[in-house]
Amino acid sequence: MEEKRRHKRLDLDVNIQLERLDEEGVTTLKYVHVDVTDLSRSGIGFVCARELEKGSFYDTRIRIWTKEVLEVVLEIVRCEKKGDLYQYGASFIGMTDTDALKIDIYQMFNEL
């Protein structure tokens, strides 16, 4: 199968919290806990027990391996039900270059 991703995915042992944003940028749901399955500079894959709407946006805080927190908005672009859980793919919206660089650096160390 041909790889369509622009950026390599990283496997991480981290958890994130999502907070739903409505059209006015106001949060409308309480935090949703998810388990991250992979991460790249352009997006994230995760699993959670709650059904999230494709095309919805979430304010996200991701604690990375350096214990720093990346704050980014993500958009749900893919959803697949797997048993009692949902597998999601999401694209980052508005990630700073500095935060994207942190992911790149981790990827470089992982490849060594």
C-alpha atoms as a PDB file:
ATOM      1  CA  MET A   1       0.000   0.000   0.000  1.00  0.00           C
ATOM      2  CA  GLU A   2       1.370   3.398  -0.952  1.00  0.00           C
ATOM      3  CA  GLU A   3       2.028   5.800   1.906  1.00  0.00           C
ATOM      4  CA  LYS A   4       0.005   8.990   1.367  1.00  0.00           C
ATOM      5  CA  ARG A   5       1.183  10.849   4.437  1.00  0.00           C
ATOM      6  CA  ARG A   6       3.447  13.856   4.035  1.00  0.00           C
ATOM      7  CA  HIS A   7       5.016  13.317   7.450  1.00  0.00           C
ATOM      8  CA  LYS A   8       6.165  10.151   9.205  1.00  0.00           C
ATOM      9  CA  ARG A   9       3.978   8.976  12.079  1.00  0.00           C
ATOM     10  CA  LEU A  10       5.478   8.493  15.517  1.00  0.00           C
ATOM     11  CA  ASP A  11       4.268   6.009  18.111  1.00  0.00           C
ATOM     12  CA  LEU A  12       4.013   7.685  21.510  1.00  0.00           C
ATOM     13  CA  ASP A  13       2.922   6.694  24.981  1.00  0.00           C
ATOM     14  CA  VAL A  14       0.970   9.853  25.802  1.00  0.00           C
ATOM     15  CA  ASN A  15      -2.571  10.878  26.600  1.00  0.00           C
ATOM     16  CA  ILE A  16      -4.291  14.067  25.551  1.00  0.00           C
ATOM     17  CA  GLN A  17      -7.453  15.916  26.446  1.00  0.00           C
ATOM     18  CA  LEU A  18      -9.848  17.327  23.867  1.00  0.00           C
ATOM     19  CA  GLU A  19     -12.266  20.164  24.416  1.00  0.00           C
ATOM     20  CA  ARG A  20     -14.883  20.702  21.678  1.00  0.00           C
ATOM     21  CA  LEU A  21     -15.058  24.096  19.974  1.00  0.00           C
ATOM     22  CA  ASP A  22     -18.256  25.376  18.396  1.00  0.00           C
ATOM     23  CA  GLU A  23     -18.559  27.794  15.466  1.00  0.00           C
ATOM     24  CA  GLU A  24     -17.798  30.824  17.651  1.00  0.00           C
ATOM     25  CA  GLY A  25     -14.683  29.211  19.106  1.00  0.00           C
ATOM     26  CA  VAL A  26     -16.393  28.583  22.445  1.00  0.00           C
ATOM     27  CA  THR A  27     -15.898  25.250  24.163  1.00  0.00           C
ATOM     28  CA  THR A  28     -19.077  23.189  24.296  1.00  0.00           C
ATOM     29  CA  LEU A  29     -18.078  19.863  25.850  1.00  0.00           C
ATOM     30  CA  LYS A  30     -16.093  18.809  28.861  1.00  0.00           C
ATOM     31  CA  TYR A  31     -12.739  17.149  28.400  1.00  0.00           C
ATOM     32  CA  VAL A  32     -12.541  13.867  26.518  1.00  0.00           C
ATOM     33  CA  HIS A  33      -9.639  11.578  27.420  1.00  0.00           C
ATOM     34  CA  VAL A  34      -8.026   9.676  24.554  1.00  0.00           C
ATOM     35  CA  ASP A  35      -5.083   7.327  23.998  1.00  0.00           C
ATOM     36  CA  VAL A  36      -2.712   8.479  21.265  1.00  0.00           C
ATOM     37  CA  THR A  37      -1.739   5.828  18.704  1.00  0.00           C
ATOM     38  CA  ASP A  38       0.524   7.949  16.497  1.00  0.00           C
ATOM     39  CA  LEU A  39       1.645  11.522  15.956  1.00  0.00           C
ATOM     40  CA  SER A  40       3.237  13.483  13.124  1.00  0.00           C
ATOM     41  CA  ARG A  41       3.814  17.167  12.528  1.00  0.00           C
ATOM     42  CA  SER A  42       0.580  17.307  10.497  1.00  0.00           C
ATOM     43  CA  GLY A  43      -1.782  15.269  12.657  1.00  0.00           C
ATOM     44  CA  ILE A  44      -2.558  12.678  15.279  1.00  0.00           C
ATOM     45  CA  GLY A  45      -4.218   9.283  15.576  1.00  0.00           C
ATOM     46  CA  PHE A  46      -6.022   8.268  18.742  1.00  0.00           C
ATOM     47  CA  VAL A  47      -8.568   5.926  20.279  1.00  0.00           C
ATOM     48  CA  CYS A  48     -11.374   6.829  22.671  1.00  0.00           C
ATOM     49  CA  ALA A  49     -14.649   5.396  23.916  1.00  0.00           C
ATOM     50  CA  ARG A  50     -16.668   8.462  22.950  1.00  0.00           C
ATOM     51  CA  GLU A  51     -18.052   9.083  19.464  1.00  0.00           C
ATOM     52  CA  LEU A  52     -16.762  12.363  18.008  1.00  0.00           C
ATOM     53  CA  GLU A  53     -18.208  14.063  14.962  1.00  0.00           C
ATOM     54  CA  LYS A  54     -16.153  14.033  11.750  1.00  0.00           C
ATOM     55  CA  GLY A  55     -15.356  17.636  10.800  1.00  0.00           C
ATOM     56  CA  SER A  56     -15.549  18.837  14.409  1.00  0.00           C
ATOM     57  CA  PHE A  57     -12.778  20.903  16.008  1.00  0.00           C
ATOM     58  CA  TYR A  58     -11.137  20.443  19.403  1.00  0.00           C
ATOM     59  CA  ASP A  59      -8.815  22.544  21.514  1.00  0.00           C
ATOM     60  CA  THR A  60      -6.055  20.120  22.475  1.00  0.00           C
ATOM     61  CA  ARG A  61      -3.237  19.961  24.990  1.00  0.00           C
ATOM     62  CA  ILE A  62      -0.660  17.264  24.223  1.00  0.00           C
ATOM     63  CA  ARG A  63       1.986  16.507  26.843  1.00  0.00           C
ATOM     64  CA  ILE A  64       5.007  15.231  24.920  1.00  0.00           C
ATOM     65  CA  TRP A  65       8.049  13.148  25.924  1.00  0.00           C
ATOM     66  CA  THR A  66       9.932  16.263  27.146  1.00  0.00           C
ATOM     67  CA  LYS A  67       6.994  17.013  29.518  1.00  0.00           C
ATOM     68  CA  GLU A  68       6.252  20.148  27.476  1.00  0.00           C
ATOM     69  CA  VAL A  69       2.657  20.794  26.457  1.00  0.00           C
ATOM     70  CA  LEU A  70       1.696  21.502  22.846  1.00  0.00           C
ATOM     71  CA  GLU A  71      -1.504  23.504  22.533  1.00  0.00           C
ATOM     72  CA  VAL A  72      -3.146  23.084  19.147  1.00  0.00           C
ATOM     73  CA  VAL A  73      -6.568  22.922  17.528  1.00  0.00           C
ATOM     74  CA  LEU A  74      -7.321  19.726  15.653  1.00  0.00           C
ATOM     75  CA  GLU A  75     -10.001  18.690  13.184  1.00  0.00           C
ATOM     76  CA  ILE A  76     -11.419  15.152  13.156  1.00  0.00           C
ATOM     77  CA  VAL A  77     -10.902  13.878   9.593  1.00  0.00           C
ATOM     78  CA  ARG A  78     -11.374  10.115   9.988  1.00  0.00           C
ATOM     79  CA  CYS A  79     -13.403   7.860  12.277  1.00  0.00           C
ATOM     80  CA  GLU A  80     -13.679   4.078  12.438  1.00  0.00           C
ATOM     81  CA  LYS A  81     -15.597   2.088  15.050  1.00  0.00           C
ATOM     82  CA  LYS A  82     -13.582  -0.831  16.467  1.00  0.00           C
ATOM     83  CA  GLY A  83     -15.589  -2.818  18.999  1.00  0.00           C
ATOM     84  CA  ASP A  84     -16.420  -0.564  21.950  1.00  0.00           C
ATOM     85  CA  LEU A  85     -13.876   2.076  20.870  1.00  0.00           C
ATOM     86  CA  TYR A  86     -13.481   4.583  18.075  1.00  0.00           C
ATOM     87  CA  GLN A  87     -10.224   5.058  16.107  1.00  0.00           C
ATOM     88  CA  TYR A  88      -9.722   8.649  14.930  1.00  0.00           C
ATOM     89  CA  GLY A  89      -7.438  10.548  12.635  1.00  0.00           C
ATOM     90  CA  ALA A  90      -7.153  14.299  13.081  1.00  0.00           C
ATOM     91  CA  SER A  91      -5.259  17.110  11.366  1.00  0.00           C
ATOM     92  CA  PHE A  92      -3.555  19.882  13.293  1.00  0.00           C
ATOM     93  CA  ILE A  93      -4.868  23.374  12.617  1.00  0.00           C
ATOM     94  CA  GLY A  94      -2.598  26.252  13.560  1.00  0.00           C
ATOM     95  CA  MET A  95       0.311  24.374  15.117  1.00  0.00           C
ATOM     96  CA  THR A  96       3.247  26.714  15.648  1.00  0.00           C
ATOM     97  CA  ASP A  97       6.489  26.081  13.782  1.00  0.00           C
ATOM     98  CA  THR A  98       8.204  25.670  17.160  1.00  0.00           C
ATOM     99  CA  ASP A  99       5.849  22.867  18.194  1.00  0.00           C
ATOM    100  CA  ALA A 100       6.141  21.167  14.789  1.00  0.00           C
ATOM    101  CA  LEU A 101       9.930  21.314  15.167  1.00  0.00           C
ATOM    102  CA  LYS A 102       9.696  19.531  18.535  1.00  0.00           C
ATOM    103  CA  ILE A 103       7.929  16.637  16.797  1.00  0.00           C
ATOM    104  CA  ASP A 104      10.566  16.617  14.029  1.00  0.00           C
ATOM    105  CA  ILE A 105      13.380  16.472  16.604  1.00  0.00           C
ATOM    106  CA  TYR A 106      11.746  13.557  18.401  1.00  0.00           C
ATOM    107  CA  GLN A 107      11.393  11.765  15.064  1.00  0.00           C
ATOM    108  CA  MET A 108      15.098  12.254  14.304  1.00  0.00           C
ATOM    109  CA  PHE A 109      16.124  10.792  17.675  1.00  0.00           C
ATOM    110  CA  ASN A 110      13.742   7.879  17.210  1.00  0.00           C
ATOM    111  CA  GLU A 111      15.363   6.995  13.871  1.00  0.00           C
ATOM    112  CA  LEU A 112      18.900   6.864  15.312  1.00  0.00           C
END
